[in-house]
């Protein structure tokens, strides 16, 4: 009778069309020899092919120093001479500002500048002083369309900022205004922040902070002029607030000079709901004496 469900009797086996199709075209067993061969046995072959391709590229294009173009043992690295020319910042340094001390007077010390004018951010760390080879690398990244340098600098930042990274919940770059981003074509801070986040498996929020006011360039301005220039320049978008709420933020930039930009950005992040903001840069200006 049309429309009537089939009746099954006890002891009688009936096969459905789907079952018949499955019998003709069985689903492969994940543990079958064919699956094992294609998924596992071929893995060393793929790895060997990739290694061979890398060796071939290195043969045709030998790796060179990212600063002076001298021969190096691996790609995206510095030669021994350029490495030695970088003024790395290591302890002892101010726990707030990250500025180096000439003499080690014990852990947890703050510099006079940090005591007299505490920054908005909790802690700052930088790889090196902003001079010599380090300055040249930053300028090439920022103005010379050498975006690949973010890999080299980002690796070094991971080492210098490991304490901050270990406590960070979210990585946020210092943003550019859209007008400046259009003229420069990329944001060097975002490239560095993305590298740090990728290498450390930390969540990355490239749009967690935006620059809403097109400020004049900071070069040549005094500390007070820089602070005034950045009043109200940064803002946390409404749709980013849930992502920042109660989080420890690692704010990333290329260079720390007077701290005006970092303070303005950190203030906006704290107003947007962040619990704490730490700062990580590749280089920082250090005034001796």
Protein backbone atom coordinates (compact mmCIF):
# COMPACT_ATOMS: atom_id res chain seq x y z
CA UNK A 1 0.00 0.00 0.00
CA UNK A 2 1.36 3.38 -1.00
CA UNK A 3 2.68 5.54 1.88
CA UNK A 4 2.76 2.62 4.34
CA UNK A 5 5.93 2.01 6.37
CA UNK A 6 7.66 -1.34 5.75
CA UNK A 7 6.98 -3.99 8.35
CA UNK A 8 9.85 -6.02 9.76
CA UNK A 9 9.23 -9.56 11.00
CA UNK A 10 11.29 -11.24 13.69
CA UNK A 11 14.19 -13.24 12.27
CA UNK A 12 13.92 -11.58 8.87
CA UNK A 13 16.75 -9.37 7.62
CA UNK A 14 15.93 -6.51 5.30
CA UNK A 15 18.53 -4.22 3.76
CA UNK A 16 17.80 -0.58 2.99
CA UNK A 17 19.01 1.15 -0.19
CA UNK A 18 21.52 3.13 1.96
CA UNK A 19 22.92 -0.08 3.39
CA UNK A 20 23.23 -1.54 -0.08
CA UNK A 21 25.12 1.54 -1.25
CA UNK A 22 27.41 1.29 1.78
CA UNK A 23 28.15 -2.34 0.91
CA UNK A 24 29.15 -1.35 -2.62
CA UNK A 25 31.17 1.71 -1.50
CA UNK A 26 32.43 1.01 2.01
CA UNK A 27 33.92 3.90 4.02
CA UNK A 28 37.69 3.40 4.38
CA UNK A 29 38.85 2.35 7.81
CA UNK A 30 41.12 5.06 9.28
CA UNK A 31 43.47 2.30 10.41
CA UNK A 32 43.55 0.53 7.07
CA UNK A 33 46.96 -0.03 5.39
CA UNK A 34 46.02 2.39 2.61
CA UNK A 35 45.21 5.19 5.09
CA UNK A 36 48.33 4.50 7.14
CA UNK A 37 50.53 4.57 4.05
CA UNK A 38 49.06 7.80 2.71
CA UNK A 39 48.96 9.62 6.07
CA UNK A 40 52.04 8.41 7.93
CA UNK A 41 54.43 6.73 5.58
CA UNK A 42 54.41 9.70 3.22
CA UNK A 43 55.13 12.24 6.00
CA UNK A 44 58.92 11.68 5.95
CA UNK A 45 58.81 12.02 2.18
CA UNK A 46 57.07 15.41 2.44
CA UNK A 47 59.52 16.59 5.09
CA UNK A 48 62.46 15.49 2.97
CA UNK A 49 61.07 17.32 -0.05
CA UNK A 50 60.62 20.51 1.99
CA UNK A 51 64.16 20.25 3.36
CA UNK A 52 65.49 19.67 -0.14
CA UNK A 53 63.62 22.71 -1.42
CA UNK A 54 65.04 24.85 1.38
CA UNK A 55 68.55 23.63 0.59
CA UNK A 56 68.04 24.39 -3.07
CA UNK A 57 66.85 27.92 -2.32
CA UNK A 58 69.82 28.44 0.01
CA UNK A 59 72.15 27.25 -2.75
CA UNK A 60 70.70 29.67 -5.30
CA UNK A 61 70.18 32.51 -2.77
CA UNK A 62 72.71 32.07 0.07
CA UNK A 63 71.56 33.59 3.39
CA UNK A 64 73.03 37.00 4.18
CA UNK A 65 73.04 39.33 7.18
CA UNK A 66 69.88 41.44 7.34
CA UNK A 67 71.97 44.48 8.24
CA UNK A 68 75.19 44.41 6.17
CA UNK A 69 74.46 41.62 3.63
CA UNK A 70 77.50 39.56 4.70
CA UNK A 71 77.20 35.78 4.51
CA UNK A 72 75.45 34.07 7.44
CA UNK A 73 74.68 30.51 8.45
CA UNK A 74 70.91 30.96 8.30
CA UNK A 75 68.32 33.24 6.76
CA UNK A 76 66.86 36.26 8.57
CA UNK A 77 69.83 36.55 10.90
CA UNK A 78 72.67 38.92 11.79
CA UNK A 79 76.35 38.28 11.17
CA UNK A 80 78.70 38.13 14.14
CA UNK A 81 79.99 41.67 13.53
CA UNK A 82 76.54 43.31 13.39
CA UNK A 83 75.38 41.27 16.38
CA UNK A 84 78.30 42.63 18.35
CA UNK A 85 77.40 46.20 17.34
CA UNK A 86 73.94 46.04 18.95
CA UNK A 87 73.71 47.53 22.43
CA UNK A 88 71.60 44.87 24.10
CA UNK A 89 69.76 45.86 27.28
CA UNK A 90 70.17 43.34 30.07
CA UNK A 91 69.84 43.42 33.83
CA UNK A 92 70.40 45.45 35.92
CA UNK A 93 67.68 47.80 34.70
CA UNK A 94 64.70 49.75 36.04
CA UNK A 95 61.83 47.34 36.61
CA UNK A 96 59.26 49.89 35.39
CA UNK A 97 60.94 51.63 32.46
CA UNK A 98 63.49 49.00 31.48
CA UNK A 99 66.30 51.56 31.32
CA UNK A 100 69.73 50.04 32.10
CA UNK A 101 71.67 50.79 35.28
CA UNK A 102 75.44 51.22 35.25
CA UNK A 103 75.75 49.43 38.59
CA UNK A 104 73.76 46.52 40.01
CA UNK A 105 72.32 47.68 43.34
CA UNK A 106 69.94 44.76 43.79
CA UNK A 107 66.68 43.49 42.29
CA UNK A 108 63.47 45.48 42.02
CA UNK A 109 65.03 48.93 41.83
CA UNK A 110 63.29 51.83 40.09
CA UNK A 111 65.02 54.63 38.25
CA UNK A 112 64.60 58.27 39.36
CA UNK A 113 62.56 58.90 36.20
CA UNK A 114 60.12 56.08 37.06
CA UNK A 115 59.68 57.43 40.59
CA UNK A 116 59.30 61.09 39.59
CA UNK A 117 57.05 60.46 36.58
CA UNK A 118 55.53 56.93 36.73
CA UNK A 119 54.38 55.66 33.34
CA UNK A 120 50.80 54.60 32.61
CA UNK A 121 52.00 51.15 31.53
CA UNK A 122 53.16 48.76 34.24
CA UNK A 123 56.49 47.61 32.78
CA UNK A 124 58.56 48.23 29.66
CA UNK A 125 61.15 46.00 28.06
CA UNK A 126 63.29 46.49 24.96
CA UNK A 127 65.85 44.41 23.13
CA UNK A 128 68.47 47.11 22.71
CA UNK A 129 69.44 50.77 22.57
CA UNK A 130 68.19 52.78 19.62
CA UNK A 131 71.52 53.49 17.92
CA UNK A 132 73.92 52.10 15.33
CA UNK A 133 72.83 48.84 13.72
CA UNK A 134 69.57 48.77 15.70
CA UNK A 135 68.56 52.20 14.40
CA UNK A 136 69.39 51.13 10.85
CA UNK A 137 67.26 47.98 11.16
CA UNK A 138 64.28 49.94 12.49
CA UNK A 139 64.56 52.51 9.70
CA UNK A 140 64.76 49.79 7.05
CA UNK A 141 61.67 48.10 8.46
CA UNK A 142 59.76 51.34 8.89
CA UNK A 143 60.70 53.33 5.80
CA UNK A 144 62.54 50.93 3.51
CA UNK A 145 59.76 48.43 2.73
CA UNK A 146 61.72 45.67 4.48
CA UNK A 147 58.72 44.03 6.11
CA UNK A 148 60.59 40.71 6.35
CA UNK A 149 62.80 42.27 9.04
CA UNK A 150 59.87 41.91 11.44
CA UNK A 151 60.75 38.19 11.66
CA UNK A 152 64.31 38.89 12.85
CA UNK A 153 63.38 41.70 15.22
CA UNK A 154 60.34 39.82 16.53
CA UNK A 155 62.45 36.79 17.47
CA UNK A 156 64.76 39.02 19.49
CA UNK A 157 61.79 40.71 21.17
CA UNK A 158 60.46 37.34 22.32
CA UNK A 159 63.72 36.74 24.18
CA UNK A 160 63.87 40.22 25.72
CA UNK A 161 60.21 40.24 26.76
CA UNK A 162 59.79 36.67 27.96
CA UNK A 163 58.70 37.77 31.46
CA UNK A 164 55.98 40.03 30.09
CA UNK A 165 54.87 37.51 27.48
CA UNK A 166 54.48 34.79 30.11
CA UNK A 167 51.84 36.90 31.89
CA UNK A 168 50.16 38.40 28.80
CA UNK A 169 46.63 37.43 27.83
CA UNK A 170 46.54 39.40 24.59
CA UNK A 171 49.03 41.05 22.20
CA UNK A 172 48.02 44.45 20.79
CA UNK A 173 50.09 46.67 18.45
CA UNK A 174 50.32 50.45 18.66
CA UNK A 175 48.13 51.44 15.70
CA UNK A 176 48.69 53.94 12.89
CA UNK A 177 46.03 56.36 11.73
CA UNK A 178 44.43 55.15 8.50
CA UNK A 179 45.87 58.10 6.56
CA UNK A 180 49.42 57.27 7.61
CA UNK A 181 48.78 53.56 7.12
CA UNK A 182 47.66 54.27 3.56
CA UNK A 183 50.84 56.22 2.76
CA UNK A 184 53.19 53.73 4.47
CA UNK A 185 51.22 50.64 3.31
CA UNK A 186 51.85 48.69 6.53
CA UNK A 187 52.14 49.20 10.27
CA UNK A 188 55.56 48.10 11.51
CA UNK A 189 54.24 47.68 15.07
CA UNK A 190 51.55 45.30 13.80
CA UNK A 191 54.16 43.22 11.93
CA UNK A 192 56.25 42.94 15.10
CA UNK A 193 53.24 42.19 17.30
CA UNK A 194 52.02 39.52 14.90
CA UNK A 195 55.44 37.86 14.91
CA UNK A 196 55.63 37.89 18.73
CA UNK A 197 52.11 36.48 19.03
CA UNK A 198 52.76 33.75 16.46
CA UNK A 199 56.07 32.65 18.00
CA UNK A 200 54.62 32.51 21.52
CA UNK A 201 51.10 31.24 20.71
CA UNK A 202 49.53 34.27 22.39
CA UNK A 203 46.14 35.63 21.23
CA UNK A 204 46.59 38.57 18.87
CA UNK A 205 44.19 41.52 18.54
CA UNK A 206 45.39 43.74 15.66
CA UNK A 207 42.24 45.88 15.94
CA UNK A 208 42.09 45.99 19.74
CA UNK A 209 43.19 49.63 19.64
CA UNK A 210 42.65 52.24 16.93
CA UNK A 211 44.11 55.65 16.26
CA UNK A 212 41.16 57.99 15.85
CA UNK A 213 43.06 61.25 15.47
CA UNK A 214 45.67 62.02 12.84
CA UNK A 215 48.42 63.62 14.93
CA UNK A 216 51.48 65.48 13.70
CA UNK A 217 54.79 63.61 13.68
CA UNK A 218 56.47 63.29 17.05
CA UNK A 219 60.01 63.85 15.74
CA UNK A 220 61.42 67.11 17.06
CA UNK A 221 58.75 67.63 19.73
CA UNK A 222 59.52 68.00 23.41
CA UNK A 223 58.17 65.56 26.00
CA UNK A 224 55.29 67.93 26.88
CA UNK A 225 54.51 68.63 23.22
CA UNK A 226 54.42 64.90 22.46
CA UNK A 227 51.96 64.28 25.30
CA UNK A 228 49.69 67.14 24.15
CA UNK A 229 49.92 65.97 20.55
CA UNK A 230 48.56 62.54 21.54
CA UNK A 231 45.64 63.66 23.70
CA UNK A 232 42.64 61.55 22.67
CA UNK A 233 44.51 59.95 19.78
CA UNK A 234 43.73 56.32 20.72
CA UNK A 235 40.51 54.49 21.42
CA UNK A 236 39.31 50.95 22.05
CA UNK A 237 36.48 50.07 19.62
CA UNK A 238 33.23 48.98 21.25
CA UNK A 239 33.38 45.56 19.60
CA UNK A 240 36.89 44.99 21.04
CA UNK A 241 35.99 45.75 24.67
CA UNK A 242 34.80 42.22 25.54
CA UNK A 243 38.13 40.87 24.27
CA UNK A 244 40.12 43.30 26.46
CA UNK A 245 37.97 43.22 29.60
CA UNK A 246 40.07 42.22 32.62
CA UNK A 247 43.00 41.07 30.47
CA UNK A 248 46.73 41.70 30.76
CA UNK A 249 47.72 43.38 27.52
CA UNK A 250 51.14 43.25 25.89
CA UNK A 251 51.41 46.48 23.90
CA UNK A 252 53.98 46.24 21.07
CA UNK A 253 55.82 49.01 19.21
CA UNK A 254 59.11 49.37 17.36
CA UNK A 255 60.81 52.10 19.43
CA UNK A 256 60.28 53.68 22.84
CA UNK A 257 61.46 57.30 22.99
CA UNK A 258 59.91 59.56 25.64
CA UNK A 259 57.03 57.16 26.32
CA UNK A 260 54.33 59.63 25.24
CA UNK A 261 52.86 57.33 22.59
CA UNK A 262 53.02 54.27 24.85
CA UNK A 263 51.38 56.17 27.73
CA UNK A 264 48.55 57.44 25.53
CA UNK A 265 47.94 53.97 24.07
CA UNK A 266 48.11 52.29 27.49
CA UNK A 267 45.68 54.84 28.96
CA UNK A 268 43.16 54.09 26.21
CA UNK A 269 43.51 50.33 26.78
CA UNK A 270 42.95 50.70 30.53
CA UNK A 271 39.89 52.86 29.91
CA UNK A 272 38.70 50.17 27.51
CA UNK A 273 38.69 47.58 30.29
CA UNK A 274 42.23 46.16 30.34
CA UNK A 275 43.52 45.14 33.77
CA UNK A 276 47.19 45.88 33.06
CA UNK A 277 49.30 47.02 30.14
CA UNK A 278 52.96 46.08 29.63
CA UNK A 279 55.09 47.45 26.80
CA UNK A 280 57.51 45.56 24.57
CA UNK A 281 59.61 47.30 21.90
CA UNK A 282 62.59 46.34 19.80
CA UNK A 283 64.64 49.40 20.74
CA UNK A 284 64.49 52.30 23.15
CA UNK A 285 66.22 55.64 23.45
CA UNK A 286 68.64 55.60 26.39
CA UNK A 287 70.12 58.86 27.67
CA UNK A 288 73.31 58.15 29.55
CA UNK A 289 73.99 60.22 32.64
